[in-house]
């Protein structure tokens, strides 16, 4: 399968969570966020190139028991890495983040 990057966190409380990942082409340029808080980082160098349509972006969700028991909703892709303040604002907006007019 090749290289992979892991968030290191798996929420197991049967609640909705905001999970975000940003990627910048720099050392430790991959950052995982859980509920607006930055967490683990990863190195994007094993993943050369860029994502251009119709390229697939594989997203894998793992669980300590080997599977994922939950739902994924409101997936969004941006053409740039959001900064930490933007991710925090999206989390704090809660259900108000339905406005997609200003990505």
PDB file of N, CA and C in Angstrom:
ATOM      1  N   UNK A   1       0.808  -1.185   0.000  1.00  0.00           N
ATOM      2  CA  UNK A   1       0.000   0.000   0.000  1.00  0.00           C
ATOM      3  C   UNK A   1       0.852   1.250   0.000  1.00  0.00           C
ATOM      4  N   UNK A   2       2.067   1.200   0.535  1.00  0.00           N
ATOM      5  CA  UNK A   2       2.905   2.381   0.569  1.00  0.00           C
ATOM      6  C   UNK A   2       2.877   3.049   1.929  1.00  0.00           C
ATOM      7  N   UNK A   3       3.346   4.279   1.951  1.00  0.00           N
ATOM      8  CA  UNK A   3       3.451   5.023   3.193  1.00  0.00           C
ATOM      9  C   UNK A   3       2.079   5.440   3.700  1.00  0.00           C
ATOM     10  N   UNK A   4       1.998   5.659   4.994  1.00  0.00           N
ATOM     11  CA  UNK A   4       0.757   6.150   5.582  1.00  0.00           C
ATOM     12  C   UNK A   4       1.096   7.052   6.768  1.00  0.00           C
ATOM     13  N   UNK A   5       0.129   7.845   7.171  1.00  0.00           N
ATOM     14  CA  UNK A   5       0.272   8.742   8.308  1.00  0.00           C
ATOM     15  C   UNK A   5      -0.915   8.501   9.221  1.00  0.00           C
ATOM     16  N   UNK A   6      -0.674   8.510  10.524  1.00  0.00           N
ATOM     17  CA  UNK A   6      -1.728   8.202  11.487  1.00  0.00           C
ATOM     18  C   UNK A   6      -1.937   9.358  12.451  1.00  0.00           C
ATOM     19  N   UNK A   7      -3.184   9.574  12.838  1.00  0.00           N
ATOM     20  CA  UNK A   7      -3.509  10.674  13.750  1.00  0.00           C
ATOM     21  C   UNK A   7      -3.117  10.366  15.187  1.00  0.00           C
ATOM     22  N   UNK A   8      -3.106   9.113  15.560  1.00  0.00           N
ATOM     23  CA  UNK A   8      -2.787   8.746  16.927  1.00  0.00           C
ATOM     24  C   UNK A   8      -3.958   8.881  17.891  1.00  0.00           C
ATOM     25  N   UNK A   9      -5.108   9.410  17.421  1.00  0.00           N
ATOM     26  CA  UNK A   9      -6.271   9.577  18.284  1.00  0.00           C
ATOM     27  C   UNK A   9      -7.484   8.934  17.638  1.00  0.00           C
ATOM     28  N   UNK A  10      -8.245   8.218  18.446  1.00  0.00           N
ATOM     29  CA  UNK A  10      -9.489   7.614  17.979  1.00  0.00           C
ATOM     30  C   UNK A  10     -10.572   7.915  19.012  1.00  0.00           C
ATOM     31  N   UNK A  11     -11.504   8.840  18.705  1.00  0.00           N
ATOM     32  CA  UNK A  11     -12.584   9.120  19.668  1.00  0.00           C
ATOM     33  C   UNK A  11     -13.507   7.908  19.785  1.00  0.00           C
ATOM     34  N   UNK A  12     -13.759   7.490  20.997  1.00  0.00           N
ATOM     35  CA  UNK A  12     -14.586   6.303  21.231  1.00  0.00           C
ATOM     36  C   UNK A  12     -15.764   6.616  22.159  1.00  0.00           C
ATOM     37  N   UNK A  13     -16.372   7.802  22.006  1.00  0.00           N
ATOM     38  CA  UNK A  13     -17.406   8.208  22.953  1.00  0.00           C
ATOM     39  C   UNK A  13     -18.802   8.319  22.337  1.00  0.00           C
ATOM     40  N   UNK A  14     -19.006   7.799  21.125  1.00  0.00           N
ATOM     41  CA  UNK A  14     -20.304   7.853  20.444  1.00  0.00           C
ATOM     42  C   UNK A  14     -20.828   9.273  20.265  1.00  0.00           C
ATOM     43  N   UNK A  15     -19.938  10.239  20.085  1.00  0.00           N
ATOM     44  CA  UNK A  15     -20.289  11.624  19.833  1.00  0.00           C
ATOM     45  C   UNK A  15     -19.725  12.040  18.478  1.00  0.00           C
ATOM     46  N   UNK A  16     -20.297  13.094  17.871  1.00  0.00           N
ATOM     47  CA  UNK A  16     -19.753  13.641  16.639  1.00  0.00           C
ATOM     48  C   UNK A  16     -18.497  14.438  16.965  1.00  0.00           C
ATOM     49  N   UNK A  17     -17.511  14.356  16.088  1.00  0.00           N
ATOM     50  CA  UNK A  17     -16.258  15.088  16.257  1.00  0.00           C
ATOM     51  C   UNK A  17     -15.861  15.705  14.931  1.00  0.00           C
ATOM     52  N   UNK A  18     -15.159  16.828  15.000  1.00  0.00           N
ATOM     53  CA  UNK A  18     -14.563  17.414  13.813  1.00  0.00           C
ATOM     54  C   UNK A  18     -13.147  16.865  13.706  1.00  0.00           C
ATOM     55  N   UNK A  19     -12.872  16.191  12.613  1.00  0.00           N
ATOM     56  CA  UNK A  19     -11.527  15.691  12.325  1.00  0.00           C
ATOM     57  C   UNK A  19     -11.053  16.423  11.081  1.00  0.00           C
ATOM     58  N   UNK A  20      -9.896  17.052  11.173  1.00  0.00           N
ATOM     59  CA  UNK A  20      -9.339  17.785  10.038  1.00  0.00           C
ATOM     60  C   UNK A  20      -7.890  17.384   9.852  1.00  0.00           C
ATOM     61  N   UNK A  21      -7.447  17.431   8.600  1.00  0.00           N
ATOM     62  CA  UNK A  21      -6.059  17.147   8.261  1.00  0.00           C
ATOM     63  C   UNK A  21      -5.607  18.217   7.284  1.00  0.00           C
ATOM     64  N   UNK A  22      -4.473  18.848   7.565  1.00  0.00           N
ATOM     65  CA  UNK A  22      -3.906  19.810   6.622  1.00  0.00           C
ATOM     66  C   UNK A  22      -2.576  19.270   6.119  1.00  0.00           C
ATOM     67  N   UNK A  23      -2.252  19.607   4.873  1.00  0.00           N
ATOM     68  CA  UNK A  23      -1.004  19.150   4.274  1.00  0.00           C
ATOM     69  C   UNK A  23      -0.305  20.330   3.627  1.00  0.00           C
ATOM     70  N   UNK A  24       0.924  20.577   4.046  1.00  0.00           N
ATOM     71  CA  UNK A  24       1.807  21.566   3.426  1.00  0.00           C
ATOM     72  C   UNK A  24       3.076  20.825   3.032  1.00  0.00           C
ATOM     73  N   UNK A  25       3.648  21.186   1.904  1.00  0.00           N
ATOM     74  CA  UNK A  25       4.872  20.532   1.436  1.00  0.00           C
ATOM     75  C   UNK A  25       6.075  21.065   2.200  1.00  0.00           C
ATOM     76  N   UNK A  26       6.192  20.662   3.458  1.00  0.00           N
ATOM     77  CA  UNK A  26       7.295  21.058   4.329  1.00  0.00           C
ATOM     78  C   UNK A  26       7.494  19.934   5.346  1.00  0.00           C
ATOM     79  N   UNK A  27       8.672  19.863   5.981  1.00  0.00           N
ATOM     80  CA  UNK A  27       8.859  18.854   7.030  1.00  0.00           C
ATOM     81  C   UNK A  27       7.762  18.990   8.091  1.00  0.00           C
ATOM     82  N   UNK A  28       7.244  17.870   8.522  1.00  0.00           N
ATOM     83  CA  UNK A  28       6.123  17.833   9.476  1.00  0.00           C
ATOM     84  C   UNK A  28       4.945  18.658   8.989  1.00  0.00           C
ATOM     85  N   UNK A  29       4.725  18.666   7.669  1.00  0.00           N
ATOM     86  CA  UNK A  29       3.681  19.481   7.065  1.00  0.00           C
ATOM     87  C   UNK A  29       2.284  18.895   7.133  1.00  0.00           C
ATOM     88  N   UNK A  30       2.138  17.655   7.611  1.00  0.00           N
ATOM     89  CA  UNK A  30       0.812  17.063   7.791  1.00  0.00           C
ATOM     90  C   UNK A  30       0.430  17.245   9.255  1.00  0.00           C
ATOM     91  N   UNK A  31      -0.725  17.864   9.490  1.00  0.00           N
ATOM     92  CA  UNK A  31      -1.189  18.071  10.863  1.00  0.00           C
ATOM     93  C   UNK A  31      -2.607  17.535  10.996  1.00  0.00           C
ATOM     94  N   UNK A  32      -2.839  16.728  12.014  1.00  0.00           N
ATOM     95  CA  UNK A  32      -4.165  16.216  12.338  1.00  0.00           C
ATOM     96  C   UNK A  32      -4.777  17.087  13.429  1.00  0.00           C
ATOM     97  N   UNK A  33      -6.086  17.342  13.318  1.00  0.00           N
ATOM     98  CA  UNK A  33      -6.818  18.118  14.310  1.00  0.00           C
ATOM     99  C   UNK A  33      -8.005  17.283  14.773  1.00  0.00           C
ATOM    100  N   UNK A  34      -8.300  17.348  16.056  1.00  0.00           N
ATOM    101  CA  UNK A  34      -9.496  16.726  16.611  1.00  0.00           C
ATOM    102  C   UNK A  34     -10.234  17.803  17.392  1.00  0.00           C
ATOM    103  N   UNK A  35     -11.449  18.098  16.958  1.00  0.00           N
ATOM    104  CA  UNK A  35     -12.274  19.132  17.586  1.00  0.00           C
ATOM    105  C   UNK A  35     -11.545  20.472  17.660  1.00  0.00           C
ATOM    106  N   UNK A  36     -10.849  20.836  16.583  1.00  0.00           N
ATOM    107  CA  UNK A  36     -10.183  22.124  16.481  1.00  0.00           C
ATOM    108  C   UNK A  36      -8.820  22.211  17.136  1.00  0.00           C
ATOM    109  N   UNK A  37      -8.378  21.138  17.787  1.00  0.00           N
ATOM    110  CA  UNK A  37      -7.100  21.153  18.497  1.00  0.00           C
ATOM    111  C   UNK A  37      -6.058  20.383  17.683  1.00  0.00           C
ATOM    112  N   UNK A  38      -4.909  21.040  17.366  1.00  0.00           N
ATOM    113  CA  UNK A  38      -3.880  20.324  16.607  1.00  0.00           C
ATOM    114  C   UNK A  38      -3.301  19.179  17.435  1.00  0.00           C
ATOM    115  N   UNK A  39      -2.995  18.106  16.729  1.00  0.00           N
ATOM    116  CA  UNK A  39      -2.434  16.937  17.390  1.00  0.00           C
ATOM    117  C   UNK A  39      -1.172  16.478  16.701  1.00  0.00           C
ATOM    118  N   UNK A  40      -1.130  15.224  16.310  1.00  0.00           N
ATOM    119  CA  UNK A  40       0.082  14.654  15.741  1.00  0.00           C
ATOM    120  C   UNK A  40       0.395  15.257  14.377  1.00  0.00           C
ATOM    121  N   UNK A  41       1.656  15.127  13.998  1.00  0.00           N
ATOM    122  CA  UNK A  41       2.131  15.649  12.717  1.00  0.00           C
ATOM    123  C   UNK A  41       2.750  14.507  11.933  1.00  0.00           C
ATOM    124  N   UNK A  42       2.863  14.716  10.622  1.00  0.00           N
ATOM    125  CA  UNK A  42       3.473  13.718   9.762  1.00  0.00           C
ATOM    126  C   UNK A  42       4.269  14.388   8.661  1.00  0.00           C
ATOM    127  N   UNK A  43       5.089  13.611   8.014  1.00  0.00           N
ATOM    128  CA  UNK A  43       5.952  14.095   6.936  1.00  0.00           C
ATOM    129  C   UNK A  43       5.310  13.767   5.596  1.00  0.00           C
ATOM    130  N   UNK A  44       5.027  14.782   4.754  1.00  0.00           N
ATOM    131  CA  UNK A  44       4.397  14.509   3.470  1.00  0.00           C
ATOM    132  C   UNK A  44       5.358  14.032   2.385  1.00  0.00           C
ATOM    133  N   UNK A  45       6.669  14.010   2.655  1.00  0.00           N
ATOM    134  CA  UNK A  45       7.628  13.679   1.596  1.00  0.00           C
ATOM    135  C   UNK A  45       7.455  12.288   0.982  1.00  0.00           C
ATOM    136  N   UNK A  46       6.934  11.269   1.699  1.00  0.00           N
ATOM    137  CA  UNK A  46       6.702   9.980   1.040  1.00  0.00           C
ATOM    138  C   UNK A  46       5.553  10.009   0.031  1.00  0.00           C
ATOM    139  N   UNK A  47       4.836  11.132  -0.054  1.00  0.00           N
ATOM    140  CA  UNK A  47       3.676  11.256  -0.926  1.00  0.00           C
ATOM    141  C   UNK A  47       3.957  12.327  -1.984  1.00  0.00           C
ATOM    142  N   UNK A  48       4.710  12.002  -3.024  1.00  0.00           N
ATOM    143  CA  UNK A  48       5.071  13.018  -4.016  1.00  0.00           C
ATOM    144  C   UNK A  48       3.878  13.443  -4.869  1.00  0.00           C
ATOM    145  N   UNK A  49       4.022  14.605  -5.511  1.00  0.00           N
ATOM    146  CA  UNK A  49       3.003  15.067  -6.445  1.00  0.00           C
ATOM    147  C   UNK A  49       1.907  15.841  -5.765  1.00  0.00           C
ATOM    148  N   UNK A  50       0.860  16.067  -6.521  1.00  0.00           N
ATOM    149  CA  UNK A  50      -0.279  16.802  -6.005  1.00  0.00           C
ATOM    150  C   UNK A  50      -1.551  16.054  -6.369  1.00  0.00           C
ATOM    151  N   UNK A  51      -2.632  16.456  -5.781  1.00  0.00           N
ATOM    152  CA  UNK A  51      -3.923  15.827  -6.049  1.00  0.00           C
ATOM    153  C   UNK A  51      -4.662  16.687  -7.072  1.00  0.00           C
ATOM    154  N   UNK A  52      -4.927  16.111  -8.216  1.00  0.00           N
ATOM    155  CA  UNK A  52      -5.701  16.814  -9.234  1.00  0.00           C
ATOM    156  C   UNK A  52      -6.818  15.893  -9.695  1.00  0.00           C
ATOM    157  N   UNK A  53      -7.984  16.424  -9.935  1.00  0.00           N
ATOM    158  CA  UNK A  53      -9.096  15.585 -10.365  1.00  0.00           C
ATOM    159  C   UNK A  53      -8.746  14.858 -11.650  1.00  0.00           C
ATOM    160  N   UNK A  54      -9.137  13.634 -11.818  1.00  0.00           N
ATOM    161  CA  UNK A  54     -10.003  12.824 -10.955  1.00  0.00           C
ATOM    162  C   UNK A  54      -9.239  11.903 -10.015  1.00  0.00           C
ATOM    163  N   UNK A  55      -8.117  12.341  -9.478  1.00  0.00           N
ATOM    164  CA  UNK A  55      -7.325  11.501  -8.581  1.00  0.00           C
ATOM    165  C   UNK A  55      -8.128  11.102  -7.346  1.00  0.00           C
ATOM    166  N   UNK A  56      -7.889   9.896  -6.886  1.00  0.00           N
ATOM    167  CA  UNK A  56      -8.546   9.415  -5.667  1.00  0.00           C
ATOM    168  C   UNK A  56      -7.703   9.793  -4.459  1.00  0.00           C
ATOM    169  N   UNK A  57      -8.358  10.137  -3.383  1.00  0.00           N
ATOM    170  CA  UNK A  57      -7.671  10.417  -2.128  1.00  0.00           C
ATOM    171  C   UNK A  57      -8.082   9.327  -1.152  1.00  0.00           C
ATOM    172  N   UNK A  58      -7.187   8.377  -0.901  1.00  0.00           N
ATOM    173  CA  UNK A  58      -7.570   7.301   0.015  1.00  0.00           C
ATOM    174  C   UNK A  58      -7.617   7.796   1.456  1.00  0.00           C
ATOM    175  N   UNK A  59      -8.719   7.544   2.122  1.00  0.00           N
ATOM    176  CA  UNK A  59      -8.879   7.893   3.529  1.00  0.00           C
ATOM    177  C   UNK A  59      -9.263   6.610   4.257  1.00  0.00           C
ATOM    178  N   UNK A  60      -8.444   6.241   5.198  1.00  0.00           N
ATOM    179  CA  UNK A  60      -8.702   5.023   5.951  1.00  0.00           C
ATOM    180  C   UNK A  60      -8.954   5.387   7.398  1.00  0.00           C
ATOM    181  N   UNK A  61      -9.945   4.793   7.985  1.00  0.00           N
ATOM    182  CA  UNK A  61     -10.271   5.022   9.379  1.00  0.00           C
ATOM    183  C   UNK A  61     -10.097   3.692  10.094  1.00  0.00           C
ATOM    184  N   UNK A  62      -9.259   3.705  11.104  1.00  0.00           N
ATOM    185  CA  UNK A  62      -9.044   2.458  11.838  1.00  0.00           C
ATOM    186  C   UNK A  62      -9.502   2.611  13.276  1.00  0.00           C
ATOM    187  N   UNK A  63      -9.736   1.515  13.885  1.00  0.00           N
ATOM    188  CA  UNK A  63     -10.276   1.435  15.241  1.00  0.00           C
ATOM    189  C   UNK A  63      -9.410   0.438  15.995  1.00  0.00           C
ATOM    190  N   UNK A  64      -9.221   0.609  17.298  1.00  0.00           N
ATOM    191  CA  UNK A  64      -8.396  -0.346  18.041  1.00  0.00           C
ATOM    192  C   UNK A  64      -8.823  -1.799  17.875  1.00  0.00           C
ATOM    193  N   UNK A  65     -10.108  -2.037  17.614  1.00  0.00           N
ATOM    194  CA  UNK A  65     -10.594  -3.402  17.428  1.00  0.00           C
ATOM    195  C   UNK A  65     -10.498  -3.867  15.989  1.00  0.00           C
ATOM    196  N   UNK A  66      -9.908  -3.035  15.101  1.00  0.00           N
ATOM    197  CA  UNK A  66      -9.698  -3.451  13.728  1.00  0.00           C
ATOM    198  C   UNK A  66     -10.706  -2.921  12.731  1.00  0.00           C
ATOM    199  N   UNK A  67     -11.723  -2.221  13.138  1.00  0.00           N
ATOM    200  CA  UNK A  67     -12.723  -1.697  12.215  1.00  0.00           C
ATOM    201  C   UNK A  67     -13.137  -0.294  12.601  1.00  0.00           C
ATOM    202  N   UNK A  68     -14.070   0.249  11.880  1.00  0.00           N
ATOM    203  CA  UNK A  68     -14.591   1.577  12.205  1.00  0.00           C
ATOM    204  C   UNK A  68     -16.084   1.453  12.361  1.00  0.00           C
ATOM    205  N   UNK A  69     -16.582   1.812  13.528  1.00  0.00           N
ATOM    206  CA  UNK A  69     -17.998   1.718  13.828  1.00  0.00           C
ATOM    207  C   UNK A  69     -18.531   3.132  14.021  1.00  0.00           C
ATOM    208  N   UNK A  70     -18.921   3.768  12.920  1.00  0.00           N
ATOM    209  CA  UNK A  70     -19.400   5.134  13.017  1.00  0.00           C
ATOM    210  C   UNK A  70     -19.785   5.674  11.657  1.00  0.00           C
ATOM    211  N   UNK A  71     -19.957   6.977  11.579  1.00  0.00           N
ATOM    212  CA  UNK A  71     -20.349   7.642  10.341  1.00  0.00           C
ATOM    213  C   UNK A  71     -19.375   8.766  10.033  1.00  0.00           C
ATOM    214  N   UNK A  72     -19.199   9.024   8.754  1.00  0.00           N
ATOM    215  CA  UNK A  72     -18.410  10.161   8.300  1.00  0.00           C
ATOM    216  C   UNK A  72     -19.363  11.062   7.542  1.00  0.00           C
ATOM    217  N   UNK A  73     -19.399  12.342   7.908  1.00  0.00           N
ATOM    218  CA  UNK A  73     -20.364  13.277   7.347  1.00  0.00           C
ATOM    219  C   UNK A  73     -19.655  14.583   7.015  1.00  0.00           C
ATOM    220  N   UNK A  74     -20.172  15.322   6.050  1.00  0.00           N
ATOM    221  CA  UNK A  74     -19.696  16.653   5.681  1.00  0.00           C
ATOM    222  C   UNK A  74     -18.212  16.688   5.323  1.00  0.00           C
ATOM    223  N   UNK A  75     -17.777  15.826   4.437  1.00  0.00           N
ATOM    224  CA  UNK A  75     -16.388  15.830   3.971  1.00  0.00           C
ATOM    225  C   UNK A  75     -16.182  17.044   3.072  1.00  0.00           C
ATOM    226  N   UNK A  76     -15.111  17.788   3.327  1.00  0.00           N
ATOM    227  CA  UNK A  76     -14.776  18.964   2.526  1.00  0.00           C
ATOM    228  C   UNK A  76     -13.305  18.909   2.153  1.00  0.00           C
ATOM    229  N   UNK A  77     -12.992  19.298   0.924  1.00  0.00           N
ATOM    230  CA  UNK A  77     -11.610  19.417   0.460  1.00  0.00           C
ATOM    231  C   UNK A  77     -11.388  20.860   0.038  1.00  0.00           C
ATOM    232  N   UNK A  78     -10.254  21.425   0.401  1.00  0.00           N
ATOM    233  CA  UNK A  78      -9.918  22.796   0.058  1.00  0.00           C
ATOM    234  C   UNK A  78      -8.683  22.794  -0.831  1.00  0.00           C
ATOM    235  N   UNK A  79      -8.500  23.851  -1.609  1.00  0.00           N
ATOM    236  CA  UNK A  79      -7.351  23.916  -2.510  1.00  0.00           C
ATOM    237  C   UNK A  79      -6.127  24.532  -1.842  1.00  0.00           C
ATOM    238  N   UNK A  80      -6.149  24.600  -0.525  1.00  0.00           N
ATOM    239  CA  UNK A  80      -5.017  25.101   0.250  1.00  0.00           C
ATOM    240  C   UNK A  80      -5.129  24.529   1.662  1.00  0.00           C
ATOM    241  N   UNK A  81      -4.041  24.596   2.400  1.00  0.00           N
ATOM    242  CA  UNK A  81      -4.072  24.151   3.796  1.00  0.00           C
ATOM    243  C   UNK A  81      -4.679  25.252   4.650  1.00  0.00           C
ATOM    244  N   UNK A  82      -5.739  24.938   5.365  1.00  0.00           N
ATOM    245  CA  UNK A  82      -6.324  25.906   6.284  1.00  0.00           C
ATOM    246  C   UNK A  82      -5.358  26.139   7.439  1.00  0.00           C
ATOM    247  N   UNK A  83      -5.355  27.365   7.968  1.00  0.00           N
ATOM    248  CA  UNK A  83      -4.481  27.615   9.109  1.00  0.00           C
ATOM    249  C   UNK A  83      -5.213  27.188  10.391  1.00  0.00           C
ATOM    250  N   UNK A  84      -4.475  27.040  11.496  1.00  0.00           N
ATOM    251  CA  UNK A  84      -5.101  26.559  12.735  1.00  0.00           C
ATOM    252  C   UNK A  84      -6.293  27.392  13.188  1.00  0.00           C
ATOM    253  N   UNK A  85      -6.242  28.706  13.016  1.00  0.00           N
ATOM    254  CA  UNK A  85      -7.362  29.557  13.445  1.00  0.00           C
ATOM    255  C   UNK A  85      -8.621  29.259  12.636  1.00  0.00           C
ATOM    256  N   UNK A  86      -8.462  28.954  11.344  1.00  0.00           N
ATOM    257  CA  UNK A  86      -9.622  28.624  10.510  1.00  0.00           C
ATOM    258  C   UNK A  86     -10.254  27.310  10.953  1.00  0.00           C
ATOM    259  N   UNK A  87      -9.437  26.337  11.279  1.00  0.00           N
ATOM    260  CA  UNK A  87      -9.971  25.047  11.727  1.00  0.00           C
ATOM    261  C   UNK A  87     -10.674  25.204  13.072  1.00  0.00           C
ATOM    262  N   UNK A  88     -10.088  25.986  13.972  1.00  0.00           N
ATOM    263  CA  UNK A  88     -10.741  26.250  15.253  1.00  0.00           C
ATOM    264  C   UNK A  88     -12.081  26.943  15.039  1.00  0.00           C
ATOM    265  N   UNK A  89     -12.137  27.912  14.115  1.00  0.00           N
ATOM    266  CA  UNK A  89     -13.386  28.628  13.835  1.00  0.00           C
ATOM    267  C   UNK A  89     -14.452  27.690  13.274  1.00  0.00           C
ATOM    268  N   UNK A  90     -14.056  26.771  12.413  1.00  0.00           N
ATOM    269  CA  UNK A  90     -15.012  25.799  11.863  1.00  0.00           C
ATOM    270  C   UNK A  90     -15.573  24.940  12.993  1.00  0.00           C
ATOM    271  N   UNK A  91     -14.713  24.485  13.893  1.00  0.00           N
ATOM    272  CA  UNK A  91     -15.184  23.676  15.015  1.00  0.00           C
ATOM    273  C   UNK A  91     -16.124  24.477  15.914  1.00  0.00           C
ATOM    274  N   UNK A  92     -15.739  25.706  16.240  1.00  0.00           N
ATOM    275  CA  UNK A  92     -16.547  26.526  17.135  1.00  0.00           C
ATOM    276  C   UNK A  92     -17.884  26.917  16.512  1.00  0.00           C
ATOM    277  N   UNK A  93     -17.953  26.959  15.183  1.00  0.00           N
ATOM    278  CA  UNK A  93     -19.211  27.300  14.512  1.00  0.00           C
ATOM    279  C   UNK A  93     -20.247  26.203  14.667  1.00  0.00           C
ATOM    280  N   UNK A  94     -19.815  24.977  14.953  1.00  0.00           N
ATOM    281  CA  UNK A  94     -20.749  23.871  15.140  1.00  0.00           C
ATOM    282  C   UNK A  94     -21.668  23.701  13.945  1.00  0.00           C
ATOM    283  N   UNK A  95     -22.965  23.614  14.181  1.00  0.00           N
ATOM    284  CA  UNK A  95     -23.937  23.433  13.105  1.00  0.00           C
ATOM    285  C   UNK A  95     -24.041  24.636  12.188  1.00  0.00           C
ATOM    286  N   UNK A  96     -23.504  25.775  12.592  1.00  0.00           N
ATOM    287  CA  UNK A  96     -23.553  26.969  11.746  1.00  0.00           C
ATOM    288  C   UNK A  96     -22.582  26.885  10.581  1.00  0.00           C
ATOM    289  N   UNK A  97     -21.702  25.871  10.557  1.00  0.00           N
ATOM    290  CA  UNK A  97     -20.703  25.775   9.492  1.00  0.00           C
ATOM    291  C   UNK A  97     -21.295  25.279   8.164  1.00  0.00           C
ATOM    292  N   UNK A  98     -22.592  25.324   8.023  1.00  0.00           N
ATOM    293  CA  UNK A  98     -23.239  24.881   6.785  1.00  0.00           C
ATOM    294  C   UNK A  98     -22.977  25.825   5.624  1.00  0.00           C
ATOM    295  N   UNK A  99     -22.525  27.058   5.869  1.00  0.00           N
ATOM    296  CA  UNK A  99     -22.276  28.021   4.800  1.00  0.00           C
ATOM    297  C   UNK A  99     -21.013  27.634   4.049  1.00  0.00           C
ATOM    298  N   UNK A 100     -21.153  27.167   2.824  1.00  0.00           N
ATOM    299  CA  UNK A 100     -20.027  26.718   2.003  1.00  0.00           C
ATOM    300  C   UNK A 100     -19.589  27.801   1.018  1.00  0.00           C
ATOM    301  N   UNK A 101     -20.121  29.016   1.132  1.00  0.00           N
ATOM    302  CA  UNK A 101     -19.831  30.046   0.152  1.00  0.00           C
ATOM    303  C   UNK A 101     -18.451  30.663   0.294  1.00  0.00           C
ATOM    304  N   UNK A 102     -17.780  30.477   1.435  1.00  0.00           N
ATOM    305  CA  UNK A 102     -16.477  31.087   1.650  1.00  0.00           C
ATOM    306  C   UNK A 102     -15.497  30.036   2.155  1.00  0.00           C
ATOM    307  N   UNK A 103     -14.979  29.191   1.239  1.00  0.00           N
ATOM    308  CA  UNK A 103     -14.089  28.099   1.690  1.00  0.00           C
ATOM    309  C   UNK A 103     -12.765  28.582   2.191  1.00  0.00           C
TER     310      UNK A 103
END
